[in-house]
């Protein structure tokens, strides 16, 4: 069963066939579906307080909705590296990530609604551990290899190249999922049974808010330019960044998404005037023609875009 994507303003919902992998991207179009549902992390329609990711509004105050992920604000708190820089170690049914300190269920399990996926992970006992849980969006992105099909290292991980749920919600009816057939991060209705499950275990530390230093924001161990460029084709994107700066990777842009916000899905005080639009990454995909991964900061979803398309640039420095 495919996941049903949340349509804008009560429009039709489209179903995708999660069993089939697109061999070429719809690269000339914006592939994300813009949802007009509230993306306040309080998750409650009509809530009177705006809360960080993984918290919810109760009696006009923010309360923790996920004890492990509260305080992370939807950010990583560890380096977001490209696949070639990751170090996975297989131990029976468990894969240990030596970079992030997380442990993963090696094989994903069959599709089910989002609440059932959370319950499955909470009850899982594997590898001598009982602290399994549904991964956050940014955690699941750490095992993504968006340069290949399937979009994970099949020598390390097993299971379907399909949509996999995350614990990160966009609203009271939608959550993020990652499609491991091609690599997109999408929004899907939580009651749909089309999302597969790959549980994670491991503690998470609180992630401090980024700090402003002049024209840059220090976040995730990187120095991000506060202001973004106008939308340009990819041929101009690399020249936008000055000496010592570069285009961020898809994985680094994943960490910049603020799940408690939308339109734009970023901390607008740290990054003022950010458009709710697509941003180029340095991560590419070869379909015979090279196309680029973009992150849409309307709501944090990702897609592939032909290099002749237009997207904004936010440069980064080490």
C-alpha atoms as a PDB file:
ATOM      1  CA  UNK A   1       0.000   0.000   0.000  1.00  0.00           C
ATOM      2  CA  UNK A   2       1.295   3.474  -0.822  1.00  0.00           C
ATOM      3  CA  UNK A   3       1.330   6.348   1.588  1.00  0.00           C
ATOM      4  CA  UNK A   4      -1.323   8.999   1.159  1.00  0.00           C
ATOM      5  CA  UNK A   5       0.089  12.502   1.013  1.00  0.00           C
ATOM      6  CA  UNK A   6      -1.667  15.388   2.708  1.00  0.00           C
ATOM      7  CA  UNK A   7      -3.235  17.662   0.116  1.00  0.00           C
ATOM      8  CA  UNK A   8      -3.646  21.389   0.462  1.00  0.00           C
ATOM      9  CA  UNK A   9      -6.873  22.991   1.627  1.00  0.00           C
ATOM     10  CA  UNK A  10      -8.976  19.874   1.606  1.00  0.00           C
ATOM     11  CA  UNK A  11      -8.055  18.926  -1.958  1.00  0.00           C
ATOM     12  CA  UNK A  12      -7.678  15.402  -3.294  1.00  0.00           C
ATOM     13  CA  UNK A  13      -5.116  13.129  -1.656  1.00  0.00           C
ATOM     14  CA  UNK A  14      -2.902  11.195  -4.026  1.00  0.00           C
ATOM     15  CA  UNK A  15      -1.700   7.651  -3.342  1.00  0.00           C
ATOM     16  CA  UNK A  16       1.784   6.560  -4.397  1.00  0.00           C
ATOM     17  CA  UNK A  17       2.690   2.971  -5.159  1.00  0.00           C
ATOM     18  CA  UNK A  18       5.417   2.418  -2.598  1.00  0.00           C
ATOM     19  CA  UNK A  19       6.305  -0.940  -4.139  1.00  0.00           C
ATOM     20  CA  UNK A  20       7.705   0.630  -7.289  1.00  0.00           C
ATOM     21  CA  UNK A  21      10.842   2.736  -7.602  1.00  0.00           C
ATOM     22  CA  UNK A  22      10.846   5.613 -10.033  1.00  0.00           C
ATOM     23  CA  UNK A  23      13.745   5.127 -12.409  1.00  0.00           C
ATOM     24  CA  UNK A  24      13.807   8.817 -13.325  1.00  0.00           C
ATOM     25  CA  UNK A  25      12.729  11.840 -11.315  1.00  0.00           C
ATOM     26  CA  UNK A  26       9.979  14.231 -12.229  1.00  0.00           C
ATOM     27  CA  UNK A  27      12.812  16.678 -12.182  1.00  0.00           C
ATOM     28  CA  UNK A  28      11.139  19.594 -13.880  1.00  0.00           C
ATOM     29  CA  UNK A  29       8.471  20.024 -11.236  1.00  0.00           C
ATOM     30  CA  UNK A  30       8.279  20.640  -7.526  1.00  0.00           C
ATOM     31  CA  UNK A  31       7.438  17.164  -6.250  1.00  0.00           C
ATOM     32  CA  UNK A  32       6.335  18.063  -2.729  1.00  0.00           C
ATOM     33  CA  UNK A  33       2.681  18.571  -1.911  1.00  0.00           C
ATOM     34  CA  UNK A  34       2.122  21.785  -0.004  1.00  0.00           C
ATOM     35  CA  UNK A  35      -0.103  21.197   3.010  1.00  0.00           C
ATOM     36  CA  UNK A  36      -2.149  24.039   4.423  1.00  0.00           C
ATOM     37  CA  UNK A  37      -2.666  22.173   7.669  1.00  0.00           C
ATOM     38  CA  UNK A  38      -1.048  23.785  10.717  1.00  0.00           C
ATOM     39  CA  UNK A  39       2.488  22.554  11.278  1.00  0.00           C
ATOM     40  CA  UNK A  40       2.711  23.861  14.838  1.00  0.00           C
ATOM     41  CA  UNK A  41       4.634  21.238  16.798  1.00  0.00           C
ATOM     42  CA  UNK A  42       1.976  21.376  19.492  1.00  0.00           C
ATOM     43  CA  UNK A  43       0.057  19.040  17.146  1.00  0.00           C
ATOM     44  CA  UNK A  44      -3.286  20.340  18.425  1.00  0.00           C
ATOM     45  CA  UNK A  45      -5.684  22.268  16.229  1.00  0.00           C
ATOM     46  CA  UNK A  46      -6.531  25.523  17.966  1.00  0.00           C
ATOM     47  CA  UNK A  47      -3.694  25.175  20.479  1.00  0.00           C
ATOM     48  CA  UNK A  48      -2.864  28.386  22.336  1.00  0.00           C
ATOM     49  CA  UNK A  49       0.893  27.873  22.529  1.00  0.00           C
ATOM     50  CA  UNK A  50       3.626  27.201  19.973  1.00  0.00           C
ATOM     51  CA  UNK A  51       5.905  24.434  21.199  1.00  0.00           C
ATOM     52  CA  UNK A  52       9.246  22.978  20.058  1.00  0.00           C
ATOM     53  CA  UNK A  53       9.312  19.736  18.117  1.00  0.00           C
ATOM     54  CA  UNK A  54       8.300  16.649  20.144  1.00  0.00           C
ATOM     55  CA  UNK A  55       6.345  18.769  22.616  1.00  0.00           C
ATOM     56  CA  UNK A  56       2.627  19.515  22.585  1.00  0.00           C
ATOM     57  CA  UNK A  57       0.344  22.192  23.965  1.00  0.00           C
ATOM     58  CA  UNK A  58      -1.580  21.192  27.083  1.00  0.00           C
ATOM     59  CA  UNK A  59      -3.523  23.714  29.189  1.00  0.00           C
ATOM     60  CA  UNK A  60      -1.791  26.548  27.320  1.00  0.00           C
ATOM     61  CA  UNK A  61       1.663  25.231  28.245  1.00  0.00           C
ATOM     62  CA  UNK A  62       4.171  23.047  26.410  1.00  0.00           C
ATOM     63  CA  UNK A  63       4.550  19.466  27.628  1.00  0.00           C
ATOM     64  CA  UNK A  64       6.905  16.729  26.460  1.00  0.00           C
ATOM     65  CA  UNK A  65       5.333  14.290  24.003  1.00  0.00           C
ATOM     66  CA  UNK A  66       8.461  12.140  23.511  1.00  0.00           C
ATOM     67  CA  UNK A  67      10.831  11.786  26.475  1.00  0.00           C
ATOM     68  CA  UNK A  68      13.846  10.828  24.370  1.00  0.00           C
ATOM     69  CA  UNK A  69      13.452  13.455  21.653  1.00  0.00           C
ATOM     70  CA  UNK A  70      12.190  16.421  23.686  1.00  0.00           C
ATOM     71  CA  UNK A  71      14.811  19.141  23.605  1.00  0.00           C
ATOM     72  CA  UNK A  72      16.303  18.073  20.276  1.00  0.00           C
ATOM     73  CA  UNK A  73      14.034  20.510  18.377  1.00  0.00           C
ATOM     74  CA  UNK A  74      14.129  18.152  15.398  1.00  0.00           C
ATOM     75  CA  UNK A  75      17.873  18.664  14.937  1.00  0.00           C
ATOM     76  CA  UNK A  76      20.605  16.030  14.998  1.00  0.00           C
ATOM     77  CA  UNK A  77      23.105  16.956  17.713  1.00  0.00           C
ATOM     78  CA  UNK A  78      25.686  14.842  15.883  1.00  0.00           C
ATOM     79  CA  UNK A  79      27.522  15.255  12.551  1.00  0.00           C
ATOM     80  CA  UNK A  80      25.345  14.793   9.457  1.00  0.00           C
ATOM     81  CA  UNK A  81      27.773  13.112   7.090  1.00  0.00           C
ATOM     82  CA  UNK A  82      27.596  11.791   3.547  1.00  0.00           C
ATOM     83  CA  UNK A  83      27.442   7.969   3.157  1.00  0.00           C
ATOM     84  CA  UNK A  84      31.157   7.619   2.386  1.00  0.00           C
ATOM     85  CA  UNK A  85      31.962   9.139   5.786  1.00  0.00           C
ATOM     86  CA  UNK A  86      29.684   6.878   7.834  1.00  0.00           C
ATOM     87  CA  UNK A  87      30.786   3.814   9.756  1.00  0.00           C
ATOM     88  CA  UNK A  88      28.249   1.019  10.272  1.00  0.00           C
ATOM     89  CA  UNK A  89      28.947  -2.235  12.105  1.00  0.00           C
ATOM     90  CA  UNK A  90      26.592  -5.215  11.768  1.00  0.00           C
ATOM     91  CA  UNK A  91      25.981  -7.260  14.905  1.00  0.00           C
ATOM     92  CA  UNK A  92      23.368  -9.925  14.152  1.00  0.00           C
ATOM     93  CA  UNK A  93      19.981  -8.232  13.764  1.00  0.00           C
ATOM     94  CA  UNK A  94      21.365  -4.844  14.814  1.00  0.00           C
ATOM     95  CA  UNK A  95      23.430  -2.254  12.950  1.00  0.00           C
ATOM     96  CA  UNK A  96      25.542   0.087  15.090  1.00  0.00           C
ATOM     97  CA  UNK A  97      26.455   3.524  13.764  1.00  0.00           C
ATOM     98  CA  UNK A  98      29.818   4.470  15.236  1.00  0.00           C
ATOM     99  CA  UNK A  99      29.451   8.122  14.179  1.00  0.00           C
ATOM    100  CA  UNK A 100      26.065   8.889  15.758  1.00  0.00           C
ATOM    101  CA  UNK A 101      26.083   6.251  18.531  1.00  0.00           C
ATOM    102  CA  UNK A 102      22.675   5.000  17.366  1.00  0.00           C
ATOM    103  CA  UNK A 103      21.721   1.340  16.920  1.00  0.00           C
ATOM    104  CA  UNK A 104      19.349   0.290  14.146  1.00  0.00           C
ATOM    105  CA  UNK A 105      17.063  -2.617  13.469  1.00  0.00           C
ATOM    106  CA  UNK A 106      18.857  -4.202  10.516  1.00  0.00           C
ATOM    107  CA  UNK A 107      15.716  -5.212   8.617  1.00  0.00           C
ATOM    108  CA  UNK A 108      12.675  -3.005   8.173  1.00  0.00           C
ATOM    109  CA  UNK A 109       9.283  -4.561   8.876  1.00  0.00           C
ATOM    110  CA  UNK A 110       6.014  -4.451   6.987  1.00  0.00           C
ATOM    111  CA  UNK A 111       3.789  -1.433   6.603  1.00  0.00           C
ATOM    112  CA  UNK A 112       1.331  -0.166   9.206  1.00  0.00           C
ATOM    113  CA  UNK A 113      -0.181   3.149  10.381  1.00  0.00           C
ATOM    114  CA  UNK A 114       2.030   5.605  12.264  1.00  0.00           C
ATOM    115  CA  UNK A 115       0.641   4.899  15.762  1.00  0.00           C
ATOM    116  CA  UNK A 116       1.097   1.163  15.239  1.00  0.00           C
ATOM    117  CA  UNK A 117       4.669   1.802  14.083  1.00  0.00           C
ATOM    118  CA  UNK A 118       5.426   3.646  17.328  1.00  0.00           C
ATOM    119  CA  UNK A 119       3.852   0.869  19.392  1.00  0.00           C
ATOM    120  CA  UNK A 120       5.809  -1.801  17.508  1.00  0.00           C
ATOM    121  CA  UNK A 121       9.147  -0.119  18.237  1.00  0.00           C
ATOM    122  CA  UNK A 122       8.259   0.512  21.887  1.00  0.00           C
ATOM    123  CA  UNK A 123       7.588  -3.221  22.366  1.00  0.00           C
ATOM    124  CA  UNK A 124      10.594  -4.487  20.385  1.00  0.00           C
ATOM    125  CA  UNK A 125      13.285  -6.540  22.123  1.00  0.00           C
ATOM    126  CA  UNK A 126      16.309  -7.129  19.894  1.00  0.00           C
ATOM    127  CA  UNK A 127      20.069  -7.360  20.322  1.00  0.00           C
ATOM    128  CA  UNK A 128      19.638  -7.506  24.083  1.00  0.00           C
ATOM    129  CA  UNK A 129      18.001  -4.044  24.080  1.00  0.00           C
ATOM    130  CA  UNK A 130      14.529  -2.885  25.027  1.00  0.00           C
ATOM    131  CA  UNK A 131      14.950   0.860  24.404  1.00  0.00           C
ATOM    132  CA  UNK A 132      13.826   0.778  20.778  1.00  0.00           C
ATOM    133  CA  UNK A 133      11.732   3.628  19.359  1.00  0.00           C
ATOM    134  CA  UNK A 134      10.591   5.139  16.092  1.00  0.00           C
ATOM    135  CA  UNK A 135      13.404   7.346  14.737  1.00  0.00           C
ATOM    136  CA  UNK A 136      13.145  11.092  14.290  1.00  0.00           C
ATOM    137  CA  UNK A 137      13.265  12.428  10.730  1.00  0.00           C
ATOM    138  CA  UNK A 138      16.848  13.630  11.055  1.00  0.00           C
ATOM    139  CA  UNK A 139      17.930  10.297  12.607  1.00  0.00           C
ATOM    140  CA  UNK A 140      16.449   8.251   9.767  1.00  0.00           C
ATOM    141  CA  UNK A 141      18.209  10.532   7.275  1.00  0.00           C
ATOM    142  CA  UNK A 142      21.569   9.357   8.693  1.00  0.00           C
ATOM    143  CA  UNK A 143      21.131   5.920   7.093  1.00  0.00           C
ATOM    144  CA  UNK A 144      19.945   7.396   3.794  1.00  0.00           C
ATOM    145  CA  UNK A 145      22.161   7.113   0.731  1.00  0.00           C
ATOM    146  CA  UNK A 146      20.375   9.434  -1.672  1.00  0.00           C
ATOM    147  CA  UNK A 147      22.840   8.707  -4.487  1.00  0.00           C
ATOM    148  CA  UNK A 148      21.620   5.160  -5.150  1.00  0.00           C
ATOM    149  CA  UNK A 149      18.660   2.798  -5.566  1.00  0.00           C
ATOM    150  CA  UNK A 150      17.716   1.395  -3.106  1.00  0.00           C
ATOM    151  CA  UNK A 151      18.656   4.447  -1.056  1.00  0.00           C
ATOM    152  CA  UNK A 152      20.507   2.564   1.658  1.00  0.00           C
ATOM    153  CA  UNK A 153      23.573   0.334   1.827  1.00  0.00           C
ATOM    154  CA  UNK A 154      22.078  -3.070   1.001  1.00  0.00           C
ATOM    155  CA  UNK A 155      25.245  -4.778   2.303  1.00  0.00           C
ATOM    156  CA  UNK A 156      24.418  -3.379   5.743  1.00  0.00           C
ATOM    157  CA  UNK A 157      20.630  -2.947   5.873  1.00  0.00           C
ATOM    158  CA  UNK A 158      17.888  -5.292   4.716  1.00  0.00           C
ATOM    159  CA  UNK A 159      14.198  -4.872   4.001  1.00  0.00           C
ATOM    160  CA  UNK A 160      12.009  -3.205   1.431  1.00  0.00           C
ATOM    161  CA  UNK A 161      13.134  -0.110  -0.443  1.00  0.00           C
ATOM    162  CA  UNK A 162       9.963   1.609   0.614  1.00  0.00           C
ATOM    163  CA  UNK A 163       8.432   4.412   2.678  1.00  0.00           C
ATOM    164  CA  UNK A 164       9.621   4.289   6.299  1.00  0.00           C
ATOM    165  CA  UNK A 165       7.912   6.211   9.109  1.00  0.00           C
ATOM    166  CA  UNK A 166       9.648   8.709  11.369  1.00  0.00           C
ATOM    167  CA  UNK A 167       8.564   9.927  14.809  1.00  0.00           C
ATOM    168  CA  UNK A 168       8.487  13.509  13.510  1.00  0.00           C
ATOM    169  CA  UNK A 169       5.043  14.943  12.906  1.00  0.00           C
ATOM    170  CA  UNK A 170       4.060  17.925  10.810  1.00  0.00           C
ATOM    171  CA  UNK A 171       0.566  18.239  12.324  1.00  0.00           C
ATOM    172  CA  UNK A 172      -2.077  16.222  14.137  1.00  0.00           C
ATOM    173  CA  UNK A 173      -2.757  14.260  10.917  1.00  0.00           C
ATOM    174  CA  UNK A 174       0.615  14.034   9.160  1.00  0.00           C
ATOM    175  CA  UNK A 175       4.146  12.788   9.805  1.00  0.00           C
ATOM    176  CA  UNK A 176       7.410  12.665   7.881  1.00  0.00           C
ATOM    177  CA  UNK A 177       8.448   9.485   6.105  1.00  0.00           C
ATOM    178  CA  UNK A 178      11.508   8.749   3.960  1.00  0.00           C
ATOM    179  CA  UNK A 179      11.178   6.811   0.715  1.00  0.00           C
ATOM    180  CA  UNK A 180      14.160   4.459   0.481  1.00  0.00           C
ATOM    181  CA  UNK A 181      13.356   3.594  -3.124  1.00  0.00           C
ATOM    182  CA  UNK A 182      14.731   6.931  -4.250  1.00  0.00           C
ATOM    183  CA  UNK A 183      15.473   9.043  -1.184  1.00  0.00           C
ATOM    184  CA  UNK A 184      12.706  11.636  -0.818  1.00  0.00           C
ATOM    185  CA  UNK A 185      11.504  12.893   2.552  1.00  0.00           C
ATOM    186  CA  UNK A 186       7.722  13.305   2.354  1.00  0.00           C
ATOM    187  CA  UNK A 187       4.627  14.127   4.386  1.00  0.00           C
ATOM    188  CA  UNK A 188       2.064  11.366   4.857  1.00  0.00           C
ATOM    189  CA  UNK A 189      -1.227  10.896   6.672  1.00  0.00           C
ATOM    190  CA  UNK A 190      -0.623   9.085   9.957  1.00  0.00           C
ATOM    191  CA  UNK A 191      -3.661   6.818   9.600  1.00  0.00           C
ATOM    192  CA  UNK A 192      -2.423   5.294   6.355  1.00  0.00           C
ATOM    193  CA  UNK A 193      -1.024   1.776   6.546  1.00  0.00           C
ATOM    194  CA  UNK A 194       1.645   2.277   3.894  1.00  0.00           C
ATOM    195  CA  UNK A 195       4.658   3.136   6.036  1.00  0.00           C
ATOM    196  CA  UNK A 196       7.285   0.522   6.879  1.00  0.00           C
ATOM    197  CA  UNK A 197       9.218   0.561  10.146  1.00  0.00           C
ATOM    198  CA  UNK A 198      12.909   0.510  11.058  1.00  0.00           C
ATOM    199  CA  UNK A 199      13.396   1.085  14.774  1.00  0.00           C
ATOM    200  CA  UNK A 200      16.326   2.841  16.417  1.00  0.00           C
ATOM    201  CA  UNK A 201      17.834   2.738  19.903  1.00  0.00           C
ATOM    202  CA  UNK A 202      20.107   5.175  21.674  1.00  0.00           C
ATOM    203  CA  UNK A 203      20.035   8.224  23.886  1.00  0.00           C
ATOM    204  CA  UNK A 204      19.676  11.727  22.483  1.00  0.00           C
ATOM    205  CA  UNK A 205      21.062  14.839  24.079  1.00  0.00           C
ATOM    206  CA  UNK A 206      19.311  18.197  23.982  1.00  0.00           C
ATOM    207  CA  UNK A 207      20.340  20.252  20.973  1.00  0.00           C
ATOM    208  CA  UNK A 208      21.094  23.904  21.763  1.00  0.00           C
ATOM    209  CA  UNK A 209      19.739  26.625  19.544  1.00  0.00           C
ATOM    210  CA  UNK A 210      22.189  27.999  17.011  1.00  0.00           C
ATOM    211  CA  UNK A 211      24.098  31.172  17.833  1.00  0.00           C
ATOM    212  CA  UNK A 212      24.501  34.269  15.693  1.00  0.00           C
ATOM    213  CA  UNK A 213      28.022  35.523  14.989  1.00  0.00           C
ATOM    214  CA  UNK A 214      27.739  38.485  12.666  1.00  0.00           C
ATOM    215  CA  UNK A 215      26.521  37.271   9.277  1.00  0.00           C
ATOM    216  CA  UNK A 216      26.660  33.572  10.171  1.00  0.00           C
ATOM    217  CA  UNK A 217      24.801  31.115  12.403  1.00  0.00           C
ATOM    218  CA  UNK A 218      26.809  28.434  14.183  1.00  0.00           C
ATOM    219  CA  UNK A 219      24.689  25.282  14.109  1.00  0.00           C
ATOM    220  CA  UNK A 220      25.578  21.605  14.013  1.00  0.00           C
ATOM    221  CA  UNK A 221      29.297  22.319  14.067  1.00  0.00           C
ATOM    222  CA  UNK A 222      29.008  24.367  10.862  1.00  0.00           C
ATOM    223  CA  UNK A 223      28.891  28.069  10.067  1.00  0.00           C
ATOM    224  CA  UNK A 224      25.798  28.889   7.998  1.00  0.00           C
ATOM    225  CA  UNK A 225      25.237  32.156   6.171  1.00  0.00           C
ATOM    226  CA  UNK A 226      22.209  33.880   7.669  1.00  0.00           C
ATOM    227  CA  UNK A 227      20.901  35.226   4.364  1.00  0.00           C
ATOM    228  CA  UNK A 228      20.072  33.145   1.320  1.00  0.00           C
ATOM    229  CA  UNK A 229      20.577  33.958  -2.345  1.00  0.00           C
ATOM    230  CA  UNK A 230      17.864  34.571  -4.890  1.00  0.00           C
ATOM    231  CA  UNK A 231      16.680  31.506  -6.819  1.00  0.00           C
ATOM    232  CA  UNK A 232      19.264  30.536  -9.449  1.00  0.00           C
ATOM    233  CA  UNK A 233      19.964  27.536 -11.736  1.00  0.00           C
ATOM    234  CA  UNK A 234      22.511  25.040 -10.440  1.00  0.00           C
ATOM    235  CA  UNK A 235      25.144  26.331 -12.876  1.00  0.00           C
ATOM    236  CA  UNK A 236      25.184  29.557 -10.844  1.00  0.00           C
ATOM    237  CA  UNK A 237      24.679  27.992  -7.409  1.00  0.00           C
ATOM    238  CA  UNK A 238      28.272  27.016  -6.766  1.00  0.00           C
ATOM    239  CA  UNK A 239      29.552  30.479  -7.703  1.00  0.00           C
ATOM    240  CA  UNK A 240      27.228  32.142  -5.162  1.00  0.00           C
ATOM    241  CA  UNK A 241      29.399  30.969  -2.269  1.00  0.00           C
ATOM    242  CA  UNK A 242      32.527  32.985  -1.597  1.00  0.00           C
ATOM    243  CA  UNK A 243      36.000  31.818  -0.695  1.00  0.00           C
ATOM    244  CA  UNK A 244      35.990  29.091   1.949  1.00  0.00           C
ATOM    245  CA  UNK A 245      32.223  28.544   1.607  1.00  0.00           C
ATOM    246  CA  UNK A 246      30.388  25.787  -0.238  1.00  0.00           C
ATOM    247  CA  UNK A 247      26.990  24.325  -1.004  1.00  0.00           C
ATOM    248  CA  UNK A 248      25.719  22.146   1.847  1.00  0.00           C
ATOM    249  CA  UNK A 249      25.000  18.475   1.332  1.00  0.00           C
ATOM    250  CA  UNK A 250      21.466  17.084   1.474  1.00  0.00           C
ATOM    251  CA  UNK A 251      22.284  15.582   4.888  1.00  0.00           C
ATOM    252  CA  UNK A 252      23.471  18.916   6.286  1.00  0.00           C
ATOM    253  CA  UNK A 253      20.320  20.647   5.019  1.00  0.00           C
ATOM    254  CA  UNK A 254      18.230  17.961   6.741  1.00  0.00           C
ATOM    255  CA  UNK A 255      19.681  19.195  10.039  1.00  0.00           C
ATOM    256  CA  UNK A 256      18.743  22.815   9.306  1.00  0.00           C
ATOM    257  CA  UNK A 257      15.003  22.027   9.100  1.00  0.00           C
ATOM    258  CA  UNK A 258      13.130  23.175  12.210  1.00  0.00           C
ATOM    259  CA  UNK A 259      10.224  20.762  12.660  1.00  0.00           C
ATOM    260  CA  UNK A 260       8.334  23.160  14.921  1.00  0.00           C
ATOM    261  CA  UNK A 261       7.941  25.672  12.104  1.00  0.00           C
ATOM    262  CA  UNK A 262       6.614  25.921   8.576  1.00  0.00           C
ATOM    263  CA  UNK A 263       6.531  28.492   5.792  1.00  0.00           C
ATOM    264  CA  UNK A 264       9.476  28.565   6.334  1.00  0.00           C
ATOM    265  CA  UNK A 265      10.493  25.421   8.239  1.00  0.00           C
ATOM    266  CA  UNK A 266      13.503  27.144   9.784  1.00  0.00           C
ATOM    267  CA  UNK A 267      14.222  29.368  12.765  1.00  0.00           C
ATOM    268  CA  UNK A 268      13.365  32.719  11.174  1.00  0.00           C
ATOM    269  CA  UNK A 269      15.082  34.699  13.936  1.00  0.00           C
ATOM    270  CA  UNK A 270      18.384  32.993  13.193  1.00  0.00           C
ATOM    271  CA  UNK A 271      17.810  32.946   9.429  1.00  0.00           C
ATOM    272  CA  UNK A 272      15.763  36.041   8.552  1.00  0.00           C
ATOM    273  CA  UNK A 273      13.989  36.510   5.212  1.00  0.00           C
ATOM    274  CA  UNK A 274      14.224  32.802   4.362  1.00  0.00           C
ATOM    275  CA  UNK A 275      11.764  32.057   1.543  1.00  0.00           C
ATOM    276  CA  UNK A 276       9.369  29.127   1.784  1.00  0.00           C
ATOM    277  CA  UNK A 277      11.011  27.587  -1.235  1.00  0.00           C
ATOM    278  CA  UNK A 278      13.524  25.095  -2.612  1.00  0.00           C
ATOM    279  CA  UNK A 279      17.240  25.180  -1.735  1.00  0.00           C
ATOM    280  CA  UNK A 280      20.032  23.493  -3.679  1.00  0.00           C
ATOM    281  CA  UNK A 281      22.201  20.848  -2.080  1.00  0.00           C
ATOM    282  CA  UNK A 282      25.550  19.568  -3.324  1.00  0.00           C
ATOM    283  CA  UNK A 283      24.206  15.986  -3.342  1.00  0.00           C
ATOM    284  CA  UNK A 284      23.512  14.648  -6.818  1.00  0.00           C
ATOM    285  CA  UNK A 285      21.779  11.684  -8.407  1.00  0.00           C
ATOM    286  CA  UNK A 286      22.765  10.074 -11.715  1.00  0.00           C
ATOM    287  CA  UNK A 287      19.845   8.992 -13.901  1.00  0.00           C
ATOM    288  CA  UNK A 288      21.941   9.197 -17.069  1.00  0.00           C
ATOM    289  CA  UNK A 289      21.490  12.911 -16.527  1.00  0.00           C
ATOM    290  CA  UNK A 290      22.825  14.409 -13.285  1.00  0.00           C
ATOM    291  CA  UNK A 291      20.099  15.965 -11.134  1.00  0.00           C
ATOM    292  CA  UNK A 292      20.372  17.579  -7.717  1.00  0.00           C
ATOM    293  CA  UNK A 293      18.663  17.013  -4.394  1.00  0.00           C
ATOM    294  CA  UNK A 294      16.850  20.016  -2.989  1.00  0.00           C
ATOM    295  CA  UNK A 295      15.214  20.685   0.369  1.00  0.00           C
ATOM    296  CA  UNK A 296      11.978  22.667   0.335  1.00  0.00           C
ATOM    297  CA  UNK A 297      11.893  24.919   3.370  1.00  0.00           C
ATOM    298  CA  UNK A 298       8.150  25.323   3.051  1.00  0.00           C
ATOM    299  CA  UNK A 299       7.860  22.216   5.227  1.00  0.00           C
ATOM    300  CA  UNK A 300      11.156  20.301   5.080  1.00  0.00           C
ATOM    301  CA  UNK A 301      10.310  17.836   2.338  1.00  0.00           C
ATOM    302  CA  UNK A 302      12.948  16.921  -0.269  1.00  0.00           C
ATOM    303  CA  UNK A 303      12.913  16.237  -4.013  1.00  0.00           C
ATOM    304  CA  UNK A 304      15.076  15.955  -7.106  1.00  0.00           C
ATOM    305  CA  UNK A 305      15.412  18.910  -9.453  1.00  0.00           C
ATOM    306  CA  UNK A 306      16.955  19.292 -12.895  1.00  0.00           C
ATOM    307  CA  UNK A 307      20.002  21.539 -12.821  1.00  0.00           C
ATOM    308  CA  UNK A 308      18.246  24.011 -15.096  1.00  0.00           C
ATOM    309  CA  UNK A 309      15.540  24.553 -12.486  1.00  0.00           C
ATOM    310  CA  UNK A 310      15.605  27.365  -9.957  1.00  0.00           C
ATOM    311  CA  UNK A 311      16.381  27.086  -6.257  1.00  0.00           C
ATOM    312  CA  UNK A 312      17.940  29.251  -3.573  1.00  0.00           C
ATOM    313  CA  UNK A 313      21.397  28.851  -2.040  1.00  0.00           C
ATOM    314  CA  UNK A 314      22.477  29.021   1.595  1.00  0.00           C
ATOM    315  CA  UNK A 315      26.239  28.657   1.816  1.00  0.00           C
ATOM    316  CA  UNK A 316      28.059  26.930   4.649  1.00  0.00           C
ATOM    317  CA  UNK A 317      31.577  26.844   6.060  1.00  0.00           C
ATOM    318  CA  UNK A 318      33.366  24.316   8.221  1.00  0.00           C
END
